Amino acid sequence: MVQGEAAKERRPIEERSVDVNDLLLGALSKEDPQGSARLRLELAERGPRRGRGVRGEGDAVQASKKGHRAAEEVVEALAEKASRSLLGG
């Protein structure tokens, strides 16, 4: 393993841009698409609240990320629903 690769392996998950929630929801989607869509919508509902809280602390960048994440979850939930409809589920 090259020295740079070894350092990369020791970085925390957050620094690798790995989203554990997304991995879990993706796995759940294969087994229970409806449940996954429901959880994604619940996450989307929390995003704006968290964003307002962070914005109140003066961190506009973090607040924007929370809003962006909420929008992503809504799109994913809609995509899962559309996929079920197309597949006849």
C-alpha atoms as a PDB file:
ATOM      1  CA  MET A   1       0.000   0.000   0.000  1.00  0.00           C
ATOM      2  CA  VAL A   2       1.371   3.402  -0.968  1.00  0.00           C
ATOM      3  CA  GLN A   3       1.936   5.882   1.881  1.00  0.00           C
ATOM      4  CA  GLY A   4      -0.886   8.193   0.705  1.00  0.00           C
ATOM      5  CA  GLU A   5      -3.311   5.275   0.545  1.00  0.00           C
ATOM      6  CA  ALA A   6      -2.427   4.213   4.085  1.00  0.00           C
ATOM      7  CA  ALA A   7      -3.147   7.710   5.377  1.00  0.00           C
ATOM      8  CA  LYS A   8      -6.447   7.736   3.516  1.00  0.00           C
ATOM      9  CA  GLU A   9      -7.464   4.446   5.165  1.00  0.00           C
ATOM     10  CA  ARG A  10      -6.997   5.968   8.637  1.00  0.00           C
ATOM     11  CA  ARG A  11      -9.225   8.973   7.967  1.00  0.00           C
ATOM     12  CA  PRO A  12     -12.575   8.991   9.755  1.00  0.00           C
ATOM     13  CA  ILE A  13     -15.640   8.032   7.755  1.00  0.00           C
ATOM     14  CA  GLU A  14     -16.920  11.620   7.759  1.00  0.00           C
ATOM     15  CA  GLU A  15     -13.764  12.826   6.019  1.00  0.00           C
ATOM     16  CA  ARG A  16     -14.157  10.198   3.290  1.00  0.00           C
ATOM     17  CA  SER A  17     -17.570  11.577   2.321  1.00  0.00           C
ATOM     18  CA  VAL A  18     -19.236   8.286   3.207  1.00  0.00           C
ATOM     19  CA  ASP A  19     -22.821   8.826   4.300  1.00  0.00           C
ATOM     20  CA  VAL A  20     -23.754   5.972   6.597  1.00  0.00           C
ATOM     21  CA  ASN A  21     -27.443   6.933   6.531  1.00  0.00           C
ATOM     22  CA  ASP A  22     -27.472   6.766   2.744  1.00  0.00           C
ATOM     23  CA  LEU A  23     -25.765   3.356   2.761  1.00  0.00           C
ATOM     24  CA  LEU A  24     -28.295   1.973   5.236  1.00  0.00           C
ATOM     25  CA  LEU A  25     -31.272   3.459   3.432  1.00  0.00           C
ATOM     26  CA  GLY A  26     -29.984   2.107   0.134  1.00  0.00           C
ATOM     27  CA  ALA A  27     -29.772  -1.385   1.615  1.00  0.00           C
ATOM     28  CA  LEU A  28     -33.227  -1.025   3.179  1.00  0.00           C
ATOM     29  CA  SER A  29     -34.609   0.168  -0.148  1.00  0.00           C
ATOM     30  CA  LYS A  30     -33.796  -3.202  -1.701  1.00  0.00           C
ATOM     31  CA  GLU A  31     -35.731  -5.055   0.992  1.00  0.00           C
ATOM     32  CA  ASP A  32     -38.453  -2.531   1.825  1.00  0.00           C
ATOM     33  CA  PRO A  33     -38.690   0.360  -0.649  1.00  0.00           C
ATOM     34  CA  GLN A  34     -41.788   1.778   1.016  1.00  0.00           C
ATOM     35  CA  GLY A  35     -40.124   1.787   4.434  1.00  0.00           C
ATOM     36  CA  SER A  36     -37.012   3.372   2.988  1.00  0.00           C
ATOM     37  CA  ALA A  37     -39.045   6.118   1.305  1.00  0.00           C
ATOM     38  CA  ARG A  38     -40.878   6.779   4.573  1.00  0.00           C
ATOM     39  CA  LEU A  39     -37.584   7.095   6.489  1.00  0.00           C
ATOM     40  CA  ARG A  40     -36.157   9.397   3.831  1.00  0.00           C
ATOM     41  CA  LEU A  41     -39.162  11.697   4.170  1.00  0.00           C
ATOM     42  CA  GLU A  42     -38.746  11.710   7.966  1.00  0.00           C
ATOM     43  CA  LEU A  43     -35.111  12.715   7.507  1.00  0.00           C
ATOM     44  CA  ALA A  44     -36.176  15.410   5.049  1.00  0.00           C
ATOM     45  CA  GLU A  45     -38.599  16.855   7.611  1.00  0.00           C
ATOM     46  CA  ARG A  46     -35.821  17.137  10.195  1.00  0.00           C
ATOM     47  CA  GLY A  47     -33.409  18.916   7.846  1.00  0.00           C
ATOM     48  CA  PRO A  48     -35.032  22.366   7.816  1.00  0.00           C
ATOM     49  CA  ARG A  49     -35.419  22.343  11.614  1.00  0.00           C
ATOM     50  CA  ARG A  50     -31.774  21.485  12.048  1.00  0.00           C
ATOM     51  CA  GLY A  51     -30.836  24.079   9.444  1.00  0.00           C
ATOM     52  CA  ARG A  52     -32.711  26.808  11.291  1.00  0.00           C
ATOM     53  CA  GLY A  53     -30.981  25.813  14.520  1.00  0.00           C
ATOM     54  CA  VAL A  54     -27.555  25.937  12.935  1.00  0.00           C
ATOM     55  CA  ARG A  55     -28.387  29.200  11.158  1.00  0.00           C
ATOM     56  CA  GLY A  56     -29.383  30.656  14.520  1.00  0.00           C
ATOM     57  CA  GLU A  57     -25.885  29.783  15.723  1.00  0.00           C
ATOM     58  CA  GLY A  58     -24.479  31.810  12.832  1.00  0.00           C
ATOM     59  CA  ASP A  59     -23.306  28.969  10.579  1.00  0.00           C
ATOM     60  CA  ALA A  60     -24.962  29.690   7.242  1.00  0.00           C
ATOM     61  CA  VAL A  61     -22.850  27.131   5.360  1.00  0.00           C
ATOM     62  CA  GLN A  62     -23.890  24.299   7.665  1.00  0.00           C
ATOM     63  CA  ALA A  63     -27.514  25.465   7.514  1.00  0.00           C
ATOM     64  CA  SER A  64     -27.345  25.348   3.721  1.00  0.00           C
ATOM     65  CA  LYS A  65     -25.966  21.802   3.836  1.00  0.00           C
ATOM     66  CA  LYS A  66     -28.875  20.706   6.034  1.00  0.00           C
ATOM     67  CA  GLY A  67     -31.358  22.164   3.557  1.00  0.00           C
ATOM     68  CA  HIS A  68     -29.574  20.542   0.637  1.00  0.00           C
ATOM     69  CA  ARG A  69     -29.616  17.175   2.392  1.00  0.00           C
ATOM     70  CA  ALA A  70     -33.366  17.505   3.029  1.00  0.00           C
ATOM     71  CA  ALA A  71     -33.942  18.157  -0.677  1.00  0.00           C
ATOM     72  CA  GLU A  72     -31.832  15.113  -1.583  1.00  0.00           C
ATOM     73  CA  GLU A  73     -33.908  12.892   0.684  1.00  0.00           C
ATOM     74  CA  VAL A  74     -37.169  14.091  -0.892  1.00  0.00           C
ATOM     75  CA  VAL A  75     -35.806  13.376  -4.377  1.00  0.00           C
ATOM     76  CA  GLU A  76     -34.637   9.906  -3.308  1.00  0.00           C
ATOM     77  CA  ALA A  77     -38.015   9.117  -1.739  1.00  0.00           C
ATOM     78  CA  LEU A  78     -39.809  10.223  -4.895  1.00  0.00           C
ATOM     79  CA  ALA A  79     -37.432   8.172  -7.042  1.00  0.00           C
ATOM     80  CA  GLU A  80     -38.103   5.084  -4.937  1.00  0.00           C
ATOM     81  CA  LYS A  81     -41.851   5.630  -5.220  1.00  0.00           C
ATOM     82  CA  ALA A  82     -41.629   6.145  -8.986  1.00  0.00           C
ATOM     83  CA  SER A  83     -39.467   3.042  -9.337  1.00  0.00           C
ATOM     84  CA  ARG A  84     -42.048   0.970  -7.461  1.00  0.00           C
ATOM     85  CA  SER A  85     -44.791   2.345  -9.707  1.00  0.00           C
ATOM     86  CA  LEU A  86     -42.869   1.515 -12.868  1.00  0.00           C
ATOM     87  CA  LEU A  87     -42.100  -1.977 -11.624  1.00  0.00           C
ATOM     88  CA  GLY A  88     -45.705  -2.547 -10.661  1.00  0.00           C
ATOM     89  CA  GLY A  89     -45.089  -2.582  -6.908  1.00  0.00           C
END
